[in-house]
Amino acid sequence: MDITVVVVVVIVVVVVVVVVVVVVVEVVIVVAAAVVVVLVVVVVVIVVVLVALVVVVVVVVVVVVVVVVVVVVVVEVVIVVAAAVVVVLVVVVVVVAVVCGVVAAVPVTVVVAVAVVVIVVME
């Protein structure tokens, strides 16, 4: 075999090996870049989901707090109104006793007493 043929064959083999190695390295780089992109997308999706969950939790907490405050305010208003009704009923008993006499005020007093008990129990 001629030395020239050997040199040409060696050069061709070296070039082919280098080309194959470069192609494999490029494929590995592209695959690695794709994996990085997928991981970034996954992280972004996870962050978006977590932020959405935090927003949902905050909204639920705010709604619950508002509902509790409204219920407490309504209960307090009902208690104040009930107390005012009790005062009015007592005034009615006194007015009936003064205008119509104590004997006439007895049935009104009984009705008022029952009404006051009902109001207190309902509170």
PDB file of N, CA and C in Angstrom:
ATOM      1  N   MET A   1       0.821  -1.181   0.000  1.00  0.00           N
ATOM      2  CA  MET A   1       0.000   0.000   0.000  1.00  0.00           C
ATOM      3  C   MET A   1       0.866   1.246   0.000  1.00  0.00           C
ATOM      4  N   ASP A   2       0.384   2.150  -0.787  1.00  0.00           N
ATOM      5  CA  ASP A   2       1.129   3.403  -0.922  1.00  0.00           C
ATOM      6  C   ASP A   2       0.903   4.261   0.323  1.00  0.00           C
ATOM      7  N   ILE A   3       1.939   4.980   0.735  1.00  0.00           N
ATOM      8  CA  ILE A   3       1.856   5.835   1.926  1.00  0.00           C
ATOM      9  C   ILE A   3       0.830   6.939   1.756  1.00  0.00           C
ATOM     10  N   THR A   4       0.662   7.383   0.523  1.00  0.00           N
ATOM     11  CA  THR A   4      -0.319   8.444   0.259  1.00  0.00           C
ATOM     12  C   THR A   4      -1.728   7.949   0.570  1.00  0.00           C
ATOM     13  N   VAL A   5      -2.014   6.727   0.190  1.00  0.00           N
ATOM     14  CA  VAL A   5      -3.332   6.152   0.453  1.00  0.00           C
ATOM     15  C   VAL A   5      -3.557   6.053   1.958  1.00  0.00           C
ATOM     16  N   VAL A   6      -2.549   5.623   2.679  1.00  0.00           N
ATOM     17  CA  VAL A   6      -2.663   5.502   4.132  1.00  0.00           C
ATOM     18  C   VAL A   6      -2.935   6.863   4.754  1.00  0.00           C
ATOM     19  N   VAL A   7      -2.221   7.872   4.330  1.00  0.00           N
ATOM     20  CA  VAL A   7      -2.402   9.226   4.876  1.00  0.00           C
ATOM     21  C   VAL A   7      -3.804   9.733   4.568  1.00  0.00           C
ATOM     22  N   VAL A   8      -4.258   9.516   3.337  1.00  0.00           N
ATOM     23  CA  VAL A   8      -5.604   9.969   2.946  1.00  0.00           C
ATOM     24  C   VAL A   8      -6.655   9.243   3.784  1.00  0.00           C
ATOM     25  N   VAL A   9      -6.501   7.944   3.961  1.00  0.00           N
ATOM     26  CA  VAL A   9      -7.465   7.173   4.753  1.00  0.00           C
ATOM     27  C   VAL A   9      -7.467   7.671   6.199  1.00  0.00           C
ATOM     28  N   VAL A  10      -6.311   7.904   6.757  1.00  0.00           N
ATOM     29  CA  VAL A  10      -6.220   8.397   8.138  1.00  0.00           C
ATOM     30  C   VAL A  10      -6.883   9.762   8.249  1.00  0.00           C
ATOM     31  N   ILE A  11      -6.618  10.646   7.288  1.00  0.00           N
ATOM     32  CA  ILE A  11      -7.225  11.989   7.309  1.00  0.00           C
ATOM     33  C   ILE A  11      -8.744  11.879   7.208  1.00  0.00           C
ATOM     34  N   VAL A  12      -9.231  11.027   6.306  1.00  0.00           N
ATOM     35  CA  VAL A  12     -10.676  10.857   6.142  1.00  0.00           C
ATOM     36  C   VAL A  12     -11.283  10.315   7.434  1.00  0.00           C
ATOM     37  N   VAL A  13     -10.648   9.324   8.035  1.00  0.00           N
ATOM     38  CA  VAL A  13     -11.157   8.745   9.282  1.00  0.00           C
ATOM     39  C   VAL A  13     -11.178   9.804  10.383  1.00  0.00           C
ATOM     40  N   VAL A  14     -10.112  10.577  10.490  1.00  0.00           N
ATOM     41  CA  VAL A  14     -10.050  11.628  11.518  1.00  0.00           C
ATOM     42  C   VAL A  14     -11.142  12.664  11.286  1.00  0.00           C
ATOM     43  N   VAL A  15     -11.334  13.086  10.034  1.00  0.00           N
ATOM     44  CA  VAL A  15     -12.367  14.076   9.713  1.00  0.00           C
ATOM     45  C   VAL A  15     -13.750  13.514  10.044  1.00  0.00           C
ATOM     46  N   VAL A  16     -14.008  12.271   9.676  1.00  0.00           N
ATOM     47  CA  VAL A  16     -15.309  11.654   9.962  1.00  0.00           C
ATOM     48  C   VAL A  16     -15.530  11.575  11.477  1.00  0.00           C
ATOM     49  N   VAL A  17     -14.517  11.155  12.216  1.00  0.00           N
ATOM     50  CA  VAL A  17     -14.639  11.064  13.674  1.00  0.00           C
ATOM     51  C   VAL A  17     -14.904  12.445  14.270  1.00  0.00           C
ATOM     52  N   VAL A  18     -14.177  13.458  13.812  1.00  0.00           N
ATOM     53  CA  VAL A  18     -14.372  14.821  14.323  1.00  0.00           C
ATOM     54  C   VAL A  18     -15.778  15.308  13.998  1.00  0.00           C
ATOM     55  N   VAL A  19     -16.246  15.074  12.781  1.00  0.00           N
ATOM     56  CA  VAL A  19     -17.597  15.500  12.388  1.00  0.00           C
ATOM     57  C   VAL A  19     -18.642  14.796  13.251  1.00  0.00           C
ATOM     58  N   VAL A  20     -18.481  13.501  13.460  1.00  0.00           N
ATOM     59  CA  VAL A  20     -19.433  12.749  14.285  1.00  0.00           C
ATOM     60  C   VAL A  20     -19.426  13.285  15.716  1.00  0.00           C
ATOM     61  N   VAL A  21     -18.254  13.528  16.262  1.00  0.00           N
ATOM     62  CA  VAL A  21     -18.158  14.052  17.631  1.00  0.00           C
ATOM     63  C   VAL A  21     -18.808  15.427  17.717  1.00  0.00           C
ATOM     64  N   VAL A  22     -18.550  16.298  16.741  1.00  0.00           N
ATOM     65  CA  VAL A  22     -19.143  17.643  16.737  1.00  0.00           C
ATOM     66  C   VAL A  22     -20.662  17.548  16.639  1.00  0.00           C
ATOM     67  N   VAL A  23     -21.167  16.680  15.774  1.00  0.00           N
ATOM     68  CA  VAL A  23     -22.621  16.518  15.626  1.00  0.00           C
ATOM     69  C   VAL A  23     -23.230  16.004  16.932  1.00  0.00           C
ATOM     70  N   VAL A  24     -22.596  15.021  17.551  1.00  0.00           N
ATOM     71  CA  VAL A  24     -23.104  14.484  18.817  1.00  0.00           C
ATOM     72  C   VAL A  24     -23.104  15.569  19.891  1.00  0.00           C
ATOM     73  N   VAL A  25     -22.028  16.343  19.965  1.00  0.00           N
ATOM     74  CA  VAL A  25     -21.954  17.426  20.952  1.00  0.00           C
ATOM     75  C   VAL A  25     -23.041  18.460  20.689  1.00  0.00           C
ATOM     76  N   GLU A  26     -23.263  18.814  19.434  1.00  0.00           N
ATOM     77  CA  GLU A  26     -24.320  19.782  19.096  1.00  0.00           C
ATOM     78  C   GLU A  26     -25.700  19.238  19.483  1.00  0.00           C
ATOM     79  N   VAL A  27     -25.936  17.962  19.226  1.00  0.00           N
ATOM     80  CA  VAL A  27     -27.221  17.355  19.606  1.00  0.00           C
ATOM     81  C   VAL A  27     -27.383  17.393  21.123  1.00  0.00           C
ATOM     82  N   VAL A  28     -26.334  17.083  21.851  1.00  0.00           N
ATOM     83  CA  VAL A  28     -26.389  17.128  23.315  1.00  0.00           C
ATOM     84  C   VAL A  28     -26.678  18.551  23.786  1.00  0.00           C
ATOM     85  N   ILE A  29     -26.048  19.552  23.165  1.00  0.00           N
ATOM     86  CA  ILE A  29     -26.286  20.952  23.540  1.00  0.00           C
ATOM     87  C   ILE A  29     -27.739  21.339  23.270  1.00  0.00           C
ATOM     88  N   VAL A  30     -28.272  20.949  22.118  1.00  0.00           N
ATOM     89  CA  VAL A  30     -29.667  21.274  21.781  1.00  0.00           C
ATOM     90  C   VAL A  30     -30.621  20.591  22.759  1.00  0.00           C
ATOM     91  N   VAL A  31     -30.363  19.326  23.064  1.00  0.00           N
ATOM     92  CA  VAL A  31     -31.217  18.607  24.015  1.00  0.00           C
ATOM     93  C   VAL A  31     -31.129  19.250  25.402  1.00  0.00           C
ATOM     94  N   ALA A  32     -29.931  19.621  25.812  1.00  0.00           N
ATOM     95  CA  ALA A  32     -29.765  20.272  27.118  1.00  0.00           C
ATOM     96  C   ALA A  32     -30.500  21.606  27.148  1.00  0.00           C
ATOM     97  N   ALA A  33     -30.427  22.367  26.066  1.00  0.00           N
ATOM     98  CA  ALA A  33     -31.145  23.642  26.002  1.00  0.00           C
ATOM     99  C   ALA A  33     -32.649  23.416  26.068  1.00  0.00           C
ATOM    100  N   ALA A  34     -33.123  22.386  25.378  1.00  0.00           N
ATOM    101  CA  ALA A  34     -34.558  22.071  25.421  1.00  0.00           C
ATOM    102  C   ALA A  34     -34.979  21.677  26.836  1.00  0.00           C
ATOM    103  N   VAL A  35     -34.149  20.907  27.513  1.00  0.00           N
ATOM    104  CA  VAL A  35     -34.449  20.514  28.894  1.00  0.00           C
ATOM    105  C   VAL A  35     -34.503  21.745  29.792  1.00  0.00           C
ATOM    106  N   VAL A  36     -33.570  22.675  29.598  1.00  0.00           N
ATOM    107  CA  VAL A  36     -33.568  23.910  30.391  1.00  0.00           C
ATOM    108  C   VAL A  36     -34.839  24.707  30.132  1.00  0.00           C
ATOM    109  N   VAL A  37     -35.250  24.809  28.868  1.00  0.00           N
ATOM    110  CA  VAL A  37     -36.484  25.543  28.535  1.00  0.00           C
ATOM    111  C   VAL A  37     -37.683  24.876  29.203  1.00  0.00           C
ATOM    112  N   VAL A  38     -37.755  23.557  29.134  1.00  0.00           N
ATOM    113  CA  VAL A  38     -38.868  22.837  29.767  1.00  0.00           C
ATOM    114  C   VAL A  38     -38.860  23.063  31.278  1.00  0.00           C
ATOM    115  N   LEU A  39     -37.688  23.016  31.893  1.00  0.00           N
ATOM    116  CA  LEU A  39     -37.604  23.249  33.335  1.00  0.00           C
ATOM    117  C   LEU A  39     -38.030  24.666  33.700  1.00  0.00           C
ATOM    118  N   VAL A  40     -37.638  25.648  32.899  1.00  0.00           N
ATOM    119  CA  VAL A  40     -38.056  27.035  33.152  1.00  0.00           C
ATOM    120  C   VAL A  40     -39.569  27.152  33.042  1.00  0.00           C
ATOM    121  N   VAL A  41     -40.151  26.521  32.025  1.00  0.00           N
ATOM    122  CA  VAL A  41     -41.611  26.554  31.868  1.00  0.00           C
ATOM    123  C   VAL A  41     -42.285  25.897  33.070  1.00  0.00           C
ATOM    124  N   VAL A  42     -41.762  24.775  33.520  1.00  0.00           N
ATOM    125  CA  VAL A  42     -42.333  24.088  34.685  1.00  0.00           C
ATOM    126  C   VAL A  42     -42.255  24.983  35.922  1.00  0.00           C
ATOM    127  N   VAL A  43     -41.119  25.632  36.130  1.00  0.00           N
ATOM    128  CA  VAL A  43     -40.966  26.528  37.284  1.00  0.00           C
ATOM    129  C   VAL A  43     -41.946  27.688  37.190  1.00  0.00           C
ATOM    130  N   VAL A  44     -42.093  28.268  35.998  1.00  0.00           N
ATOM    131  CA  VAL A  44     -43.035  29.385  35.818  1.00  0.00           C
ATOM    132  C   VAL A  44     -44.460  28.921  36.112  1.00  0.00           C
ATOM    133  N   VAL A  45     -44.829  27.751  35.615  1.00  0.00           N
ATOM    134  CA  VAL A  45     -46.178  27.225  35.873  1.00  0.00           C
ATOM    135  C   VAL A  45     -46.383  27.000  37.370  1.00  0.00           C
ATOM    136  N   ILE A  46     -45.389  26.436  38.038  1.00  0.00           N
ATOM    137  CA  ILE A  46     -45.497  26.205  39.484  1.00  0.00           C
ATOM    138  C   ILE A  46     -45.652  27.529  40.226  1.00  0.00           C
ATOM    139  N   VAL A  47     -44.859  28.532  39.847  1.00  0.00           N
ATOM    140  CA  VAL A  47     -44.955  29.845  40.504  1.00  0.00           C
ATOM    141  C   VAL A  47     -46.326  30.459  40.269  1.00  0.00           C
ATOM    142  N   VAL A  48     -46.833  30.371  39.034  1.00  0.00           N
ATOM    143  CA  VAL A  48     -48.159  30.928  38.730  1.00  0.00           C
ATOM    144  C   VAL A  48     -49.232  30.219  39.547  1.00  0.00           C
ATOM    145  N   VAL A  49     -49.144  28.902  39.635  1.00  0.00           N
ATOM    146  CA  VAL A  49     -50.129  28.143  40.414  1.00  0.00           C
ATOM    147  C   VAL A  49     -50.048  28.522  41.894  1.00  0.00           C
ATOM    148  N   LEU A  50     -48.828  28.647  42.422  1.00  0.00           N
ATOM    149  CA  LEU A  50     -48.682  29.025  43.829  1.00  0.00           C
ATOM    150  C   LEU A  50     -49.217  30.427  44.087  1.00  0.00           C
ATOM    151  N   VAL A  51     -48.931  31.360  43.177  1.00  0.00           N
ATOM    152  CA  VAL A  51     -49.461  32.720  43.330  1.00  0.00           C
ATOM    153  C   VAL A  51     -50.981  32.693  43.282  1.00  0.00           C
ATOM    154  N   ALA A  52     -51.534  31.906  42.364  1.00  0.00           N
ATOM    155  CA  ALA A  52     -52.998  31.799  42.274  1.00  0.00           C
ATOM    156  C   ALA A  52     -53.571  31.225  43.570  1.00  0.00           C
ATOM    157  N   LEU A  53     -52.906  30.218  44.124  1.00  0.00           N
ATOM    158  CA  LEU A  53     -53.379  29.639  45.385  1.00  0.00           C
ATOM    159  C   LEU A  53     -53.321  30.659  46.515  1.00  0.00           C
ATOM    160  N   VAL A  54     -52.241  31.441  46.555  1.00  0.00           N
ATOM    161  CA  VAL A  54     -52.127  32.478  47.588  1.00  0.00           C
ATOM    162  C   VAL A  54     -53.239  33.500  47.426  1.00  0.00           C
ATOM    163  N   VAL A  55     -53.515  33.893  46.182  1.00  0.00           N
ATOM    164  CA  VAL A  55     -54.594  34.860  45.931  1.00  0.00           C
ATOM    165  C   VAL A  55     -55.928  34.279  46.387  1.00  0.00           C
ATOM    166  N   VAL A  56     -56.176  33.020  46.062  1.00  0.00           N
ATOM    167  CA  VAL A  56     -57.435  32.380  46.469  1.00  0.00           C
ATOM    168  C   VAL A  56     -57.541  32.338  47.992  1.00  0.00           C
ATOM    169  N   VAL A  57     -56.461  31.967  48.660  1.00  0.00           N
ATOM    170  CA  VAL A  57     -56.479  31.904  50.127  1.00  0.00           C
ATOM    171  C   VAL A  57     -56.731  33.291  50.715  1.00  0.00           C
ATOM    172  N   VAL A  58     -56.065  34.314  50.170  1.00  0.00           N
ATOM    173  CA  VAL A  58     -56.263  35.681  50.670  1.00  0.00           C
ATOM    174  C   VAL A  58     -57.706  36.116  50.465  1.00  0.00           C
ATOM    175  N   VAL A  59     -58.264  35.838  49.285  1.00  0.00           N
ATOM    176  CA  VAL A  59     -59.658  36.216  49.012  1.00  0.00           C
ATOM    177  C   VAL A  59     -60.602  35.499  49.975  1.00  0.00           C
ATOM    178  N   VAL A  60     -60.378  34.216  50.194  1.00  0.00           N
ATOM    179  CA  VAL A  60     -61.241  33.456  51.113  1.00  0.00           C
ATOM    180  C   VAL A  60     -61.141  34.024  52.527  1.00  0.00           C
ATOM    181  N   VAL A  61     -59.930  34.327  52.973  1.00  0.00           N
ATOM    182  CA  VAL A  61     -59.754  34.886  54.317  1.00  0.00           C
ATOM    183  C   VAL A  61     -60.452  36.237  54.431  1.00  0.00           C
ATOM    184  N   VAL A  62     -60.295  37.090  53.418  1.00  0.00           N
ATOM    185  CA  VAL A  62     -60.948  38.405  53.445  1.00  0.00           C
ATOM    186  C   VAL A  62     -62.460  38.246  53.478  1.00  0.00           C
ATOM    187  N   VAL A  63     -62.997  37.350  52.657  1.00  0.00           N
ATOM    188  CA  VAL A  63     -64.451  37.135  52.630  1.00  0.00           C
ATOM    189  C   VAL A  63     -64.938  36.632  53.990  1.00  0.00           C
ATOM    190  N   VAL A  64     -64.220  35.688  54.579  1.00  0.00           N
ATOM    191  CA  VAL A  64     -64.626  35.157  55.888  1.00  0.00           C
ATOM    192  C   VAL A  64     -64.586  36.259  56.945  1.00  0.00           C
ATOM    193  N   VAL A  65     -63.538  37.067  56.933  1.00  0.00           N
ATOM    194  CA  VAL A  65     -63.435  38.158  57.913  1.00  0.00           C
ATOM    195  C   VAL A  65     -64.573  39.148  57.730  1.00  0.00           C
ATOM    196  N   VAL A  66     -64.865  39.515  56.474  1.00  0.00           N
ATOM    197  CA  VAL A  66     -65.960  40.458  56.210  1.00  0.00           C
ATOM    198  C   VAL A  66     -67.289  39.872  56.682  1.00  0.00           C
ATOM    199  N   VAL A  67     -67.527  38.604  56.379  1.00  0.00           N
ATOM    200  CA  VAL A  67     -68.785  37.968  56.801  1.00  0.00           C
ATOM    201  C   VAL A  67     -68.891  37.951  58.324  1.00  0.00           C
ATOM    202  N   VAL A  68     -67.806  37.607  59.002  1.00  0.00           N
ATOM    203  CA  VAL A  68     -67.825  37.573  60.471  1.00  0.00           C
ATOM    204  C   VAL A  68     -68.085  38.966  61.031  1.00  0.00           C
ATOM    205  N   VAL A  69     -67.425  39.976  60.473  1.00  0.00           N
ATOM    206  CA  VAL A  69     -67.638  41.348  60.949  1.00  0.00           C
ATOM    207  C   VAL A  69     -69.080  41.769  60.727  1.00  0.00           C
ATOM    208  N   VAL A  70     -69.630  41.473  59.545  1.00  0.00           N
ATOM    209  CA  VAL A  70     -71.024  41.836  59.261  1.00  0.00           C
ATOM    210  C   VAL A  70     -71.966  41.123  60.230  1.00  0.00           C
ATOM    211  N   VAL A  71     -71.726  39.841  60.464  1.00  0.00           N
ATOM    212  CA  VAL A  71     -72.587  39.091  61.392  1.00  0.00           C
ATOM    213  C   VAL A  71     -72.500  39.683  62.793  1.00  0.00           C
ATOM    214  N   VAL A  72     -71.299  40.007  63.240  1.00  0.00           N
ATOM    215  CA  VAL A  72     -71.134  40.591  64.578  1.00  0.00           C
ATOM    216  C   VAL A  72     -71.849  41.935  64.659  1.00  0.00           C
ATOM    217  N   VAL A  73     -71.704  42.763  63.621  1.00  0.00           N
ATOM    218  CA  VAL A  73     -72.378  44.073  63.618  1.00  0.00           C
ATOM    219  C   VAL A  73     -73.889  43.889  63.635  1.00  0.00           C
ATOM    220  N   VAL A  74     -74.395  42.970  62.821  1.00  0.00           N
ATOM    221  CA  VAL A  74     -75.845  42.726  62.786  1.00  0.00           C
ATOM    222  C   VAL A  74     -76.332  42.241  64.147  1.00  0.00           C
ATOM    223  N   VAL A  75     -75.590  41.339  64.772  1.00  0.00           N
ATOM    224  CA  VAL A  75     -75.980  40.839  66.095  1.00  0.00           C
ATOM    225  C   VAL A  75     -75.989  41.980  67.109  1.00  0.00           C
ATOM    226  N   GLU A  76     -74.979  42.837  67.046  1.00  0.00           N
ATOM    227  CA  GLU A  76     -74.944  43.976  67.972  1.00  0.00           C
ATOM    228  C   GLU A  76     -76.128  44.906  67.739  1.00  0.00           C
ATOM    229  N   VAL A  77     -76.470  45.166  66.476  1.00  0.00           N
ATOM    230  CA  VAL A  77     -77.625  46.019  66.161  1.00  0.00           C
ATOM    231  C   VAL A  77     -78.905  45.382  66.690  1.00  0.00           C
ATOM    232  N   VAL A  78     -79.041  44.080  66.498  1.00  0.00           N
ATOM    233  CA  VAL A  78     -80.233  43.376  66.995  1.00  0.00           C
ATOM    234  C   VAL A  78     -80.319  43.487  68.514  1.00  0.00           C
ATOM    235  N   ILE A  79     -79.180  43.354  69.196  1.00  0.00           N
ATOM    236  CA  ILE A  79     -79.176  43.467  70.660  1.00  0.00           C
ATOM    237  C   ILE A  79     -79.599  44.874  71.085  1.00  0.00           C
ATOM    238  N   VAL A  80     -79.074  45.897  70.404  1.00  0.00           N
ATOM    239  CA  VAL A  80     -79.436  47.281  70.740  1.00  0.00           C
ATOM    240  C   VAL A  80     -80.918  47.516  70.491  1.00  0.00           C
ATOM    241  N   VAL A  81     -81.429  47.029  69.352  1.00  0.00           N
ATOM    242  CA  VAL A  81     -82.858  47.194  69.038  1.00  0.00           C
ATOM    243  C   VAL A  81     -83.709  46.455  70.071  1.00  0.00           C
ATOM    244  N   ALA A  82     -83.288  45.251  70.442  1.00  0.00           N
ATOM    245  CA  ALA A  82     -84.048  44.489  71.444  1.00  0.00           C
ATOM    246  C   ALA A  82     -84.063  45.223  72.781  1.00  0.00           C
ATOM    247  N   ALA A  83     -82.936  45.796  73.163  1.00  0.00           N
ATOM    248  CA  ALA A  83     -82.892  46.561  74.414  1.00  0.00           C
ATOM    249  C   ALA A  83     -83.815  47.775  74.333  1.00  0.00           C
ATOM    250  N   ALA A  84     -83.832  48.439  73.176  1.00  0.00           N
ATOM    251  CA  ALA A  84     -84.726  49.595  72.999  1.00  0.00           C
ATOM    252  C   ALA A  84     -86.187  49.164  73.096  1.00  0.00           C
ATOM    253  N   VAL A  85     -86.514  48.014  72.513  1.00  0.00           N
ATOM    254  CA  VAL A  85     -87.890  47.499  72.585  1.00  0.00           C
ATOM    255  C   VAL A  85     -88.261  47.210  74.038  1.00  0.00           C
ATOM    256  N   VAL A  86     -87.339  46.629  74.797  1.00  0.00           N
ATOM    257  CA  VAL A  86     -87.601  46.354  76.216  1.00  0.00           C
ATOM    258  C   VAL A  86     -87.872  47.659  76.961  1.00  0.00           C
ATOM    259  N   VAL A  87     -87.068  48.684  76.690  1.00  0.00           N
ATOM    260  CA  VAL A  87     -87.272  49.987  77.343  1.00  0.00           C
ATOM    261  C   VAL A  87     -88.642  50.548  76.983  1.00  0.00           C
ATOM    262  N   VAL A  88     -89.017  50.479  75.701  1.00  0.00           N
ATOM    263  CA  VAL A  88     -90.327  50.980  75.262  1.00  0.00           C
ATOM    264  C   VAL A  88     -91.446  50.210  75.961  1.00  0.00           C
ATOM    265  N   LEU A  89     -91.301  48.894  76.067  1.00  0.00           N
ATOM    266  CA  LEU A  89     -92.338  48.093  76.731  1.00  0.00           C
ATOM    267  C   LEU A  89     -92.472  48.461  78.208  1.00  0.00           C
ATOM    268  N   VAL A  90     -91.365  48.710  78.866  1.00  0.00           N
ATOM    269  CA  VAL A  90     -91.419  49.122  80.273  1.00  0.00           C
ATOM    270  C   VAL A  90     -92.096  50.482  80.394  1.00  0.00           C
ATOM    271  N   VAL A  91     -91.791  51.393  79.466  1.00  0.00           N
ATOM    272  CA  VAL A  91     -92.448  52.708  79.463  1.00  0.00           C
ATOM    273  C   VAL A  91     -93.952  52.538  79.258  1.00  0.00           C
ATOM    274  N   VAL A  92     -94.345  51.620  78.384  1.00  0.00           N
ATOM    275  CA  VAL A  92     -95.773  51.364  78.148  1.00  0.00           C
ATOM    276  C   VAL A  92     -96.440  50.904  79.447  1.00  0.00           C
ATOM    277  N   VAL A  93     -95.791  50.014  80.188  1.00  0.00           N
ATOM    278  CA  VAL A  93     -96.347  49.536  81.462  1.00  0.00           C
ATOM    279  C   VAL A  93     -96.520  50.702  82.423  1.00  0.00           C
ATOM    280  N   VAL A  94     -95.517  51.546  82.523  1.00  0.00           N
ATOM    281  CA  VAL A  94     -95.588  52.689  83.442  1.00  0.00           C
ATOM    282  C   VAL A  94     -96.705  53.641  83.027  1.00  0.00           C
ATOM    283  N   VAL A  95     -96.803  53.918  81.721  1.00  0.00           N
ATOM    284  CA  VAL A  95     -97.850  54.832  81.226  1.00  0.00           C
ATOM    285  C   VAL A  95     -99.230  54.247  81.508  1.00  0.00           C
ATOM    286  N   VAL A  96     -99.407  52.959  81.251  1.00  0.00           N
ATOM    287  CA  VAL A  96    -100.705  52.322  81.513  1.00  0.00           C
ATOM    288  C   VAL A  96    -101.017  52.376  83.003  1.00  0.00           C
ATOM    289  N   ALA A  97    -100.028  52.142  83.838  1.00  0.00           N
ATOM    290  CA  ALA A  97    -100.252  52.174  85.295  1.00  0.00           C
ATOM    291  C   ALA A  97    -100.646  53.570  85.753  1.00  0.00           C
ATOM    292  N   VAL A  98    -100.015  54.584  85.174  1.00  0.00           N
ATOM    293  CA  VAL A  98    -100.318  55.964  85.581  1.00  0.00           C
ATOM    294  C   VAL A  98    -101.673  56.397  85.044  1.00  0.00           C
ATOM    295  N   VAL A  99    -101.941  56.106  83.769  1.00  0.00           N
ATOM    296  CA  VAL A  99    -103.166  56.597  83.125  1.00  0.00           C
ATOM    297  C   VAL A  99    -104.375  55.771  83.541  1.00  0.00           C
ATOM    298  N   CYS A 100    -104.239  54.459  83.541  1.00  0.00           N
ATOM    299  CA  CYS A 100    -105.405  53.592  83.757  1.00  0.00           C
ATOM    300  C   CYS A 100    -105.445  52.993  85.160  1.00  0.00           C
ATOM    301  N   GLY A 101    -104.395  53.137  85.901  1.00  0.00           N
ATOM    302  CA  GLY A 101    -104.360  52.573  87.241  1.00  0.00           C
ATOM    303  C   GLY A 101    -103.548  51.294  87.284  1.00  0.00           C
ATOM    304  N   VAL A 102    -103.128  50.940  88.480  1.00  0.00           N
ATOM    305  CA  VAL A 102    -102.249  49.777  88.670  1.00  0.00           C
ATOM    306  C   VAL A 102    -102.956  48.494  88.295  1.00  0.00           C
ATOM    307  N   VAL A 103    -104.236  48.389  88.602  1.00  0.00           N
ATOM    308  CA  VAL A 103    -104.973  47.153  88.306  1.00  0.00           C
ATOM    309  C   VAL A 103    -105.031  46.925  86.801  1.00  0.00           C
ATOM    310  N   ALA A 104    -105.259  47.965  86.048  1.00  0.00           N
ATOM    311  CA  ALA A 104    -105.324  47.835  84.588  1.00  0.00           C
ATOM    312  C   ALA A 104    -103.953  47.517  84.000  1.00  0.00           C
ATOM    313  N   ALA A 105    -102.894  47.902  84.700  1.00  0.00           N
ATOM    314  CA  ALA A 105    -101.536  47.677  84.193  1.00  0.00           C
ATOM    315  C   ALA A 105    -101.059  46.250  84.396  1.00  0.00           C
ATOM    316  N   VAL A 106    -101.757  45.471  85.249  1.00  0.00           N
ATOM    317  CA  VAL A 106    -101.304  44.095  85.535  1.00  0.00           C
ATOM    318  C   VAL A 106    -101.277  43.237  84.277  1.00  0.00           C
ATOM    319  N   PRO A 107    -102.359  43.174  83.462  1.00  0.00           N
ATOM    320  CA  PRO A 107    -102.263  42.336  82.249  1.00  0.00           C
ATOM    321  C   PRO A 107    -101.192  42.830  81.285  1.00  0.00           C
ATOM    322  N   VAL A 108    -101.066  44.142  81.158  1.00  0.00           N
ATOM    323  CA  VAL A 108    -100.019  44.698  80.279  1.00  0.00           C
ATOM    324  C   VAL A 108     -98.647  44.315  80.809  1.00  0.00           C
ATOM    325  N   THR A 109     -98.487  44.348  82.118  1.00  0.00           N
ATOM    326  CA  THR A 109     -97.202  43.971  82.729  1.00  0.00           C
ATOM    327  C   THR A 109     -96.874  42.512  82.439  1.00  0.00           C
ATOM    328  N   VAL A 110     -97.868  41.651  82.503  1.00  0.00           N
ATOM    329  CA  VAL A 110     -97.643  40.224  82.212  1.00  0.00           C
ATOM    330  C   VAL A 110     -97.201  40.047  80.762  1.00  0.00           C
ATOM    331  N   VAL A 111     -97.908  40.717  79.849  1.00  0.00           N
ATOM    332  CA  VAL A 111     -97.551  40.613  78.424  1.00  0.00           C
ATOM    333  C   VAL A 111     -96.146  41.150  78.190  1.00  0.00           C
ATOM    334  N   VAL A 112     -95.837  42.287  78.797  1.00  0.00           N
ATOM    335  CA  VAL A 112     -94.495  42.872  78.641  1.00  0.00           C
ATOM    336  C   VAL A 112     -93.439  41.942  79.225  1.00  0.00           C
ATOM    337  N   ALA A 113     -93.720  41.352  80.388  1.00  0.00           N
ATOM    338  CA  ALA A 113     -92.754  40.432  81.003  1.00  0.00           C
ATOM    339  C   ALA A 113     -92.484  39.243  80.089  1.00  0.00           C
ATOM    340  N   VAL A 114     -93.540  38.689  79.500  1.00  0.00           N
ATOM    341  CA  VAL A 114     -93.366  37.569  78.556  1.00  0.00           C
ATOM    342  C   VAL A 114     -92.555  38.021  77.348  1.00  0.00           C
ATOM    343  N   ALA A 115     -92.883  39.207  76.828  1.00  0.00           N
ATOM    344  CA  ALA A 115     -92.152  39.728  75.664  1.00  0.00           C
ATOM    345  C   ALA A 115     -90.680  39.927  75.990  1.00  0.00           C
ATOM    346  N   VAL A 116     -90.393  40.464  77.177  1.00  0.00           N
ATOM    347  CA  VAL A 116     -88.994  40.674  77.584  1.00  0.00           C
ATOM    348  C   VAL A 116     -88.270  39.345  77.705  1.00  0.00           C
ATOM    349  N   VAL A 117     -88.924  38.347  78.299  1.00  0.00           N
ATOM    350  CA  VAL A 117     -88.294  37.017  78.416  1.00  0.00           C
ATOM    351  C   VAL A 117     -88.007  36.446  77.032  1.00  0.00           C
ATOM    352  N   VAL A 118     -88.979  36.574  76.128  1.00  0.00           N
ATOM    353  CA  VAL A 118     -88.777  36.065  74.755  1.00  0.00           C
ATOM    354  C   VAL A 118     -87.612  36.784  74.091  1.00  0.00           C
ATOM    355  N   ILE A 119     -87.556  38.110  74.241  1.00  0.00           N
ATOM    356  CA  ILE A 119     -86.464  38.882  73.619  1.00  0.00           C
ATOM    357  C   ILE A 119     -85.114  38.460  74.197  1.00  0.00           C
ATOM    358  N   VAL A 120     -85.037  38.319  75.510  1.00  0.00           N
ATOM    359  CA  VAL A 120     -83.769  37.932  76.146  1.00  0.00           C
ATOM    360  C   VAL A 120     -83.347  36.536  75.704  1.00  0.00           C
ATOM    361  N   VAL A 121     -84.313  35.615  75.641  1.00  0.00           N
ATOM    362  CA  VAL A 121     -83.987  34.245  75.212  1.00  0.00           C
ATOM    363  C   VAL A 121     -83.539  34.238  73.752  1.00  0.00           C
ATOM    364  N   MET A 122     -84.175  35.037  72.917  1.00  0.00           N
ATOM    365  CA  MET A 122     -83.824  35.071  71.490  1.00  0.00           C
ATOM    366  C   MET A 122     -82.428  35.654  71.260  1.00  0.00           C
ATOM    367  N   GLU A 123     -81.983  36.528  72.165  1.00  0.00           N
ATOM    368  CA  GLU A 123     -80.643  37.089  72.017  1.00  0.00           C
ATOM    369  C   GLU A 123     -79.627  36.011  72.281  1.00  0.00           C
TER     370      GLU A 123
END
